[in-house]
Every structure is written in C-alpha cells, then in structure tokens.
Amino acid sequence: MPRLIVLATASIVILSGCGSSGGPGGSDVSAAPQQVDNAQRDVGYLRAVNEIMTPFSKPPTNMTDYASGARKLHVAILKLS
C-alpha cells in the first residue's frame, strides 16, 4: 500500500507540471495559480486517503475478529463522505 501512495504522489507531481508552456525552452518554472490550487487539492486528497487507510496498515491481531474489521471499515467509509 505505501508503494501505491508514493506512486500516486509522484504521478500527481508530474501531471501537475504538464500543460505549462514556459516558452520554447520550457525553462519557466513558475506555475499557474490553477496548477498550484490543483496540486494543493491533490495533496489534500492523498493525506485524507492516508488517514483513512491508517487503521488497515497493520495486520489484525485476531484474524477472525470480523466485528472489529467491520467497525474500522464503517469509520473509513464515513470519513470518505
């Protein structure tokens, strides 16, 4: 799961830079305000997903404790909305 998050973060960083035509050489490093807003929103989404997924990052202490898993899942679903 951490690899997926790192991959998603890297993808967002790369894609947030796309679309800026800083000139013929592409040396303009200033980002448009919309790109900055998009990047900040994407980082916020990633932080929210990380927070939601935290209870699931460790293996359960009891593999048959379905009630505990169901409670954690219910809380995660509520955090999504």
Protein backbone atom coordinates (compact mmCIF):
# COMPACT_ATOMS: atom_id res chain seq x y z
CA MET A 1 0.00 0.00 0.00
CA PRO A 2 2.79 2.56 0.73
CA ARG A 3 4.18 1.93 -2.77
CA LEU A 4 0.81 2.82 -4.24
CA ILE A 5 0.70 6.06 -2.29
CA VAL A 6 4.22 7.01 -3.36
CA LEU A 7 3.35 6.21 -6.97
CA ALA A 8 0.16 8.28 -6.77
CA THR A 9 2.04 11.21 -5.23
CA ALA A 10 4.71 11.07 -7.91
CA SER A 11 2.07 10.91 -10.64
CA ILE A 12 0.28 13.95 -9.27
CA VAL A 13 3.50 15.93 -9.05
CA ILE A 14 4.44 15.03 -12.60
CA LEU A 15 0.98 15.68 -14.02
CA SER A 16 0.55 18.97 -12.20
CA GLY A 17 3.52 20.30 -14.15
CA CYS A 18 2.07 19.25 -17.51
CA GLY A 19 0.40 21.81 -19.67
CA SER A 20 2.63 24.74 -18.82
CA SER A 21 4.33 26.03 -21.91
CA GLY A 22 7.03 28.15 -20.39
CA GLY A 23 8.31 29.14 -23.80
CA PRO A 24 10.38 27.44 -26.43
CA GLY A 25 12.90 26.07 -23.95
CA GLY A 26 10.36 25.29 -21.27
CA SER A 27 12.61 26.94 -18.69
CA ASP A 28 9.81 28.90 -16.98
CA VAL A 29 9.36 27.21 -13.58
CA SER A 30 6.54 29.38 -12.28
CA ALA A 31 3.25 27.52 -12.05
CA ALA A 32 -0.12 28.95 -12.96
CA PRO A 33 -2.41 29.64 -9.99
CA GLN A 34 -4.80 26.92 -11.17
CA GLN A 35 -1.98 24.37 -11.19
CA VAL A 36 -0.99 25.35 -7.66
CA ASP A 37 -4.58 25.00 -6.50
CA ASN A 38 -4.89 21.62 -8.19
CA ALA A 39 -1.65 20.37 -6.63
CA GLN A 40 -2.71 21.52 -3.16
CA ARG A 41 -6.09 19.85 -3.55
CA ASP A 42 -4.45 16.63 -4.74
CA VAL A 43 -2.10 16.62 -1.76
CA GLY A 44 -5.11 17.11 0.50
CA TYR A 45 -6.82 14.12 -1.10
CA LEU A 46 -3.71 11.98 -0.59
CA ARG A 47 -3.48 13.00 3.06
CA ALA A 48 -7.15 12.13 3.57
CA VAL A 49 -6.70 8.73 1.93
CA ASN A 50 -3.62 8.05 4.06
CA GLU A 51 -5.53 8.98 7.22
CA ILE A 52 -8.46 6.79 6.24
CA MET A 53 -6.23 3.83 5.41
CA THR A 54 -4.11 4.03 8.60
CA PRO A 55 -6.22 1.50 10.58
CA PHE A 56 -5.70 -1.01 7.78
CA SER A 57 -1.90 -0.64 7.62
CA LYS A 58 -1.23 -3.25 10.30
CA PRO A 59 -2.38 -6.86 10.21
CA PRO A 60 -5.24 -7.66 12.58
CA THR A 61 -4.36 -9.17 15.94
CA ASN A 62 -7.12 -11.73 15.59
CA MET A 63 -7.73 -12.93 12.05
CA THR A 64 -11.34 -13.88 12.83
CA ASP A 65 -12.34 -10.62 14.56
CA TYR A 66 -14.71 -9.60 11.79
CA ALA A 67 -16.64 -7.17 14.01
CA SER A 68 -13.54 -5.05 14.61
CA GLY A 69 -12.75 -5.02 10.89
CA ALA A 70 -16.31 -4.07 10.07
CA ARG A 71 -16.18 -1.16 12.53
CA LYS A 72 -12.92 0.11 11.03
CA LEU A 73 -14.34 -0.19 7.55
CA HIS A 74 -17.52 1.66 8.57
CA VAL A 75 -15.47 4.51 10.06
CA ALA A 76 -13.33 4.72 6.90
CA ILE A 77 -16.44 4.88 4.71
CA LEU A 78 -17.92 7.65 6.88
CA LYS A 79 -14.68 9.65 6.54
CA LEU A 80 -14.96 9.48 2.75
CA SER A 81 -18.23 11.37 2.70
